[in-house]
């Protein structure tokens, strides 16, 4: 699940347990199903599916699992009835939270999302109430340990392909693109053999909120945990300056 979009904590990501991986694979499988229904089962002729396959590989989803998901979606095309819904609201101390879901029952999802906000001392707001605080960006995270390229060479490769920004952190590089340029930049890096830990279009906060009150910290964690447990929820974005795990 997305969220604190400064940098990935690579070590933490690599050590995700099997249950967490299973949940991620289920979510990606749902995205694949929707993409196949909308644009067909050939990634070469379906750019959305191609990007989701890249995201699946970045999350270490096995190739045969990806292929099975595509075949199943192609066979079940008429039965795929997931709808995209999004919610916006506030957590403790005015933290901004955006929830994206794929659901076959909007009433159930809305109730679960509202419950997560309420139990965390927050509330769901109207569409647009917090999304103006975020920028939609393509984000690619590269593990330094797995990338043999010189940082300057990697930066030039990304920028020449159309990236907006290149950042270096202790254990990773971050490439940021516009939503429109994401596919092209990702493909350029993929073709150059650059290994990606994460590659997706995400929402990045323009500013971050620091929480110091113990109750606020407990409440926002509760909200995020409840949303993470909801099978319908695909992504959660927030502007809490969460400590690295």
Protein backbone atom coordinates (compact mmCIF):
# COMPACT_ATOMS: atom_id res chain seq x y z
CA UNK A 1 0.00 0.00 0.00
CA UNK A 2 1.29 3.39 -0.88
CA UNK A 3 1.49 6.18 1.62
CA UNK A 4 4.57 7.92 2.87
CA UNK A 5 5.88 8.73 -0.57
CA UNK A 6 9.24 10.29 0.14
CA UNK A 7 11.32 7.18 -0.31
CA UNK A 8 10.83 3.48 0.06
CA UNK A 9 12.52 1.77 2.97
CA UNK A 10 14.12 -0.93 0.82
CA UNK A 11 15.13 -3.22 3.67
CA UNK A 12 11.61 -3.19 5.07
CA UNK A 13 10.11 -3.83 1.63
CA UNK A 14 12.36 -6.85 1.04
CA UNK A 15 11.34 -8.37 4.35
CA UNK A 16 7.60 -8.21 3.77
CA UNK A 17 6.06 -11.39 5.14
CA UNK A 18 4.10 -13.87 3.05
CA UNK A 19 0.73 -12.57 4.27
CA UNK A 20 1.60 -9.03 3.18
CA UNK A 21 2.85 -10.30 -0.20
CA UNK A 22 -0.35 -12.30 -0.67
CA UNK A 23 -2.42 -9.18 -0.03
CA UNK A 24 -0.35 -7.16 -2.52
CA UNK A 25 -0.68 -9.90 -5.15
CA UNK A 26 -4.47 -9.99 -4.65
CA UNK A 27 -4.69 -6.23 -5.14
CA UNK A 28 -2.53 -6.32 -8.25
CA UNK A 29 -4.59 -9.25 -9.58
CA UNK A 30 -7.70 -7.09 -9.25
CA UNK A 31 -6.00 -4.25 -11.14
CA UNK A 32 -5.01 -6.71 -13.88
CA UNK A 33 -8.63 -7.91 -14.16
CA UNK A 34 -9.93 -4.37 -14.65
CA UNK A 35 -7.17 -3.47 -17.14
CA UNK A 36 -7.81 -6.62 -19.22
CA UNK A 37 -11.54 -5.93 -19.30
CA UNK A 38 -10.92 -2.35 -20.42
CA UNK A 39 -8.15 -2.91 -22.97
CA UNK A 40 -7.58 -6.59 -23.73
CA UNK A 41 -5.08 -9.20 -22.54
CA UNK A 42 -2.02 -8.25 -24.64
CA UNK A 43 0.26 -5.91 -22.66
CA UNK A 44 1.88 -4.73 -25.91
CA UNK A 45 -1.47 -3.33 -27.04
CA UNK A 46 -2.70 -2.30 -23.59
CA UNK A 47 -0.41 0.28 -21.95
CA UNK A 48 -2.35 0.24 -18.68
CA UNK A 49 -1.92 -3.52 -18.40
CA UNK A 50 1.76 -3.18 -19.31
CA UNK A 51 2.29 -0.74 -16.44
CA UNK A 52 0.46 -3.02 -14.00
CA UNK A 53 2.60 -5.99 -15.10
CA UNK A 54 5.70 -3.86 -14.43
CA UNK A 55 4.29 -2.98 -11.00
CA UNK A 56 3.65 -6.69 -10.36
CA UNK A 57 7.25 -7.57 -11.26
CA UNK A 58 8.57 -4.75 -9.06
CA UNK A 59 6.63 -6.39 -6.20
CA UNK A 60 8.24 -9.77 -7.02
CA UNK A 61 5.01 -11.32 -8.27
CA UNK A 62 6.04 -14.52 -10.10
CA UNK A 63 5.69 -14.46 -13.90
CA UNK A 64 3.42 -17.52 -13.95
CA UNK A 65 1.12 -15.84 -11.39
CA UNK A 66 0.96 -12.72 -13.58
CA UNK A 67 0.20 -14.80 -16.68
CA UNK A 68 -2.46 -16.80 -14.82
CA UNK A 69 -4.11 -13.57 -13.64
CA UNK A 70 -4.20 -12.22 -17.21
CA UNK A 71 -5.61 -15.48 -18.63
CA UNK A 72 -8.22 -15.71 -15.87
CA UNK A 73 -9.25 -12.09 -16.45
CA UNK A 74 -9.48 -12.67 -20.21
CA UNK A 75 -11.71 -15.72 -19.63
CA UNK A 76 -13.83 -14.01 -16.99
CA UNK A 77 -14.05 -10.70 -18.84
CA UNK A 78 -17.80 -10.42 -18.63
CA UNK A 79 -17.81 -11.35 -14.94
CA UNK A 80 -15.37 -8.65 -13.84
CA UNK A 81 -17.55 -6.05 -12.22
CA UNK A 82 -15.13 -4.08 -10.09
CA UNK A 83 -15.76 -0.37 -9.91
CA UNK A 84 -13.14 2.25 -9.05
CA UNK A 85 -14.13 4.49 -6.13
CA UNK A 86 -12.14 7.02 -4.12
CA UNK A 87 -12.68 8.72 -0.79
CA UNK A 88 -11.02 11.73 0.80
CA UNK A 89 -10.97 12.78 4.41
CA UNK A 90 -9.12 13.87 7.49
CA UNK A 91 -7.23 12.00 10.17
CA UNK A 92 -5.90 13.36 13.49
CA UNK A 93 -4.72 17.00 13.52
CA UNK A 94 -6.01 17.58 10.00
CA UNK A 95 -3.83 14.96 8.28
CA UNK A 96 -5.06 14.41 4.72
CA UNK A 97 -5.97 10.88 3.61
CA UNK A 98 -7.04 9.61 0.17
CA UNK A 99 -8.37 6.07 -0.27
CA UNK A 100 -8.67 4.31 -3.64
CA UNK A 101 -10.67 1.10 -3.93
CA UNK A 102 -11.84 -1.44 -6.50
CA UNK A 103 -15.13 -2.92 -5.37
CA UNK A 104 -18.11 -4.99 -6.44
CA UNK A 105 -20.21 -3.45 -3.66
CA UNK A 106 -19.89 0.31 -3.20
CA UNK A 107 -22.13 0.39 -0.13
CA UNK A 108 -19.96 -2.13 1.71
CA UNK A 109 -16.76 -0.32 0.79
CA UNK A 110 -18.11 3.11 1.76
CA UNK A 111 -19.23 1.77 5.15
CA UNK A 112 -15.86 0.12 5.82
CA UNK A 113 -13.89 3.22 4.83
CA UNK A 114 -16.11 5.47 6.94
CA UNK A 115 -15.68 3.09 9.87
CA UNK A 116 -11.86 3.22 9.53
CA UNK A 117 -11.88 7.02 9.59
CA UNK A 118 -14.32 7.19 12.52
CA UNK A 119 -12.43 4.67 14.67
CA UNK A 120 -9.28 6.69 14.08
CA UNK A 121 -10.93 9.90 15.23
CA UNK A 122 -11.18 11.33 11.69
CA UNK A 123 -13.92 11.81 9.15
CA UNK A 124 -14.63 11.28 5.46
CA UNK A 125 -15.03 14.55 3.56
CA UNK A 126 -16.32 15.55 0.15
CA UNK A 127 -14.54 14.76 -3.11
CA UNK A 128 -11.73 17.25 -3.62
CA UNK A 129 -11.44 18.26 0.03
CA UNK A 130 -7.80 17.09 0.32
CA UNK A 131 -6.69 15.89 -3.15
CA UNK A 132 -5.56 19.43 -4.03
CA UNK A 133 -2.77 18.90 -1.45
CA UNK A 134 -1.29 16.05 -3.53
CA UNK A 135 0.38 15.82 -6.95
CA UNK A 136 -0.28 12.82 -9.20
CA UNK A 137 3.15 11.54 -10.23
CA UNK A 138 4.81 8.51 -11.69
CA UNK A 139 7.23 7.19 -9.05
CA UNK A 140 9.98 4.65 -9.66
CA UNK A 141 12.13 3.40 -6.77
CA UNK A 142 15.47 1.72 -7.49
CA UNK A 143 17.48 -0.24 -4.92
CA UNK A 144 21.08 1.01 -4.88
CA UNK A 145 22.40 -2.44 -3.97
CA UNK A 146 20.85 -3.98 -7.08
CA UNK A 147 21.69 -1.22 -9.55
CA UNK A 148 25.20 -1.25 -11.02
CA UNK A 149 24.80 2.03 -12.90
CA UNK A 150 26.62 5.17 -11.86
CA UNK A 151 24.15 7.63 -10.21
CA UNK A 152 24.88 10.36 -12.79
CA UNK A 153 24.41 7.90 -15.66
CA UNK A 154 21.14 6.69 -14.14
CA UNK A 155 19.93 10.26 -13.63
CA UNK A 156 20.70 11.22 -17.24
CA UNK A 157 18.98 8.07 -18.52
CA UNK A 158 15.84 8.96 -16.55
CA UNK A 159 15.82 12.65 -17.44
CA UNK A 160 16.52 11.98 -21.14
CA UNK A 161 13.53 9.61 -21.16
CA UNK A 162 11.29 12.40 -19.85
CA UNK A 163 11.51 12.21 -16.04
CA UNK A 164 10.87 15.39 -14.04
CA UNK A 165 13.15 14.71 -11.11
CA UNK A 166 15.79 12.34 -9.73
CA UNK A 167 16.53 11.98 -6.00
CA UNK A 168 19.11 9.99 -4.10
CA UNK A 169 18.59 8.55 -0.63
CA UNK A 170 20.74 6.32 1.58
CA UNK A 171 19.59 3.02 0.07
CA UNK A 172 17.63 4.04 -3.01
CA UNK A 173 17.08 6.32 -5.99
CA UNK A 174 13.72 7.88 -6.74
CA UNK A 175 12.62 8.88 -10.24
CA UNK A 176 9.57 11.14 -10.52
CA UNK A 177 7.63 11.70 -13.74
CA UNK A 178 4.41 13.30 -14.87
CA UNK A 179 1.48 10.89 -15.11
CA UNK A 180 1.66 11.13 -18.92
CA UNK A 181 5.41 10.38 -19.17
CA UNK A 182 5.44 7.52 -16.64
CA UNK A 183 5.09 4.60 -19.09
CA UNK A 184 7.80 5.91 -21.41
CA UNK A 185 10.29 6.55 -18.59
CA UNK A 186 9.58 3.19 -16.96
CA UNK A 187 10.09 1.37 -20.26
CA UNK A 188 13.36 3.22 -20.92
CA UNK A 189 14.71 2.14 -17.52
CA UNK A 190 13.41 -1.41 -18.01
CA UNK A 191 15.07 -1.65 -21.44
CA UNK A 192 18.33 -0.43 -19.89
CA UNK A 193 18.19 -3.27 -17.38
CA UNK A 194 17.50 -1.06 -14.35
CA UNK A 195 15.89 -3.13 -11.53
CA UNK A 196 12.87 -1.42 -9.97
CA UNK A 197 11.54 -2.00 -6.46
CA UNK A 198 8.47 0.10 -7.14
CA UNK A 199 6.99 1.53 -10.34
CA UNK A 200 3.55 3.09 -10.30
CA UNK A 201 1.51 6.25 -10.64
CA UNK A 202 0.96 7.55 -7.13
CA UNK A 203 -0.13 10.66 -5.23
CA UNK A 204 2.62 12.58 -3.48
CA UNK A 205 1.85 15.16 -0.80
CA UNK A 206 3.02 18.72 -1.44
CA UNK A 207 3.76 19.11 2.28
CA UNK A 208 3.93 16.71 5.21
CA UNK A 209 2.31 16.84 8.66
CA UNK A 210 4.30 15.78 11.74
CA UNK A 211 2.33 14.23 14.59
CA UNK A 212 3.80 14.31 18.11
CA UNK A 213 0.77 13.62 20.32
CA UNK A 214 0.69 9.96 21.38
CA UNK A 215 -3.08 9.71 20.89
CA UNK A 216 -2.86 11.22 17.38
CA UNK A 217 -0.14 8.73 16.46
CA UNK A 218 -2.18 5.82 17.79
CA UNK A 219 -5.32 7.02 16.00
CA UNK A 220 -3.77 7.53 12.55
CA UNK A 221 -2.07 4.13 12.79
CA UNK A 222 -5.43 2.59 13.64
CA UNK A 223 -7.04 4.23 10.60
CA UNK A 224 -4.27 3.03 8.27
CA UNK A 225 -4.33 -0.51 9.74
CA UNK A 226 -8.11 -0.80 9.27
CA UNK A 227 -7.84 0.43 5.68
CA UNK A 228 -4.98 -1.98 5.02
CA UNK A 229 -7.12 -4.88 6.24
CA UNK A 230 -9.96 -3.99 3.85
CA UNK A 231 -9.80 -6.22 0.76
CA UNK A 232 -11.50 -3.58 -1.40
CA UNK A 233 -8.88 -0.91 -0.67
CA UNK A 234 -6.14 -0.70 -3.31
CA UNK A 235 -4.16 2.37 -2.25
CA UNK A 236 -4.02 4.80 0.63
CA UNK A 237 -2.18 8.11 0.34
CA UNK A 238 -1.59 10.47 3.26
CA UNK A 239 0.56 13.42 4.23
CA UNK A 240 1.60 12.13 7.65
CA UNK A 241 5.37 12.32 8.01
CA UNK A 242 5.51 8.74 9.25
CA UNK A 243 8.76 7.46 10.78
CA UNK A 244 10.61 4.87 8.71
CA UNK A 245 9.95 1.33 9.77
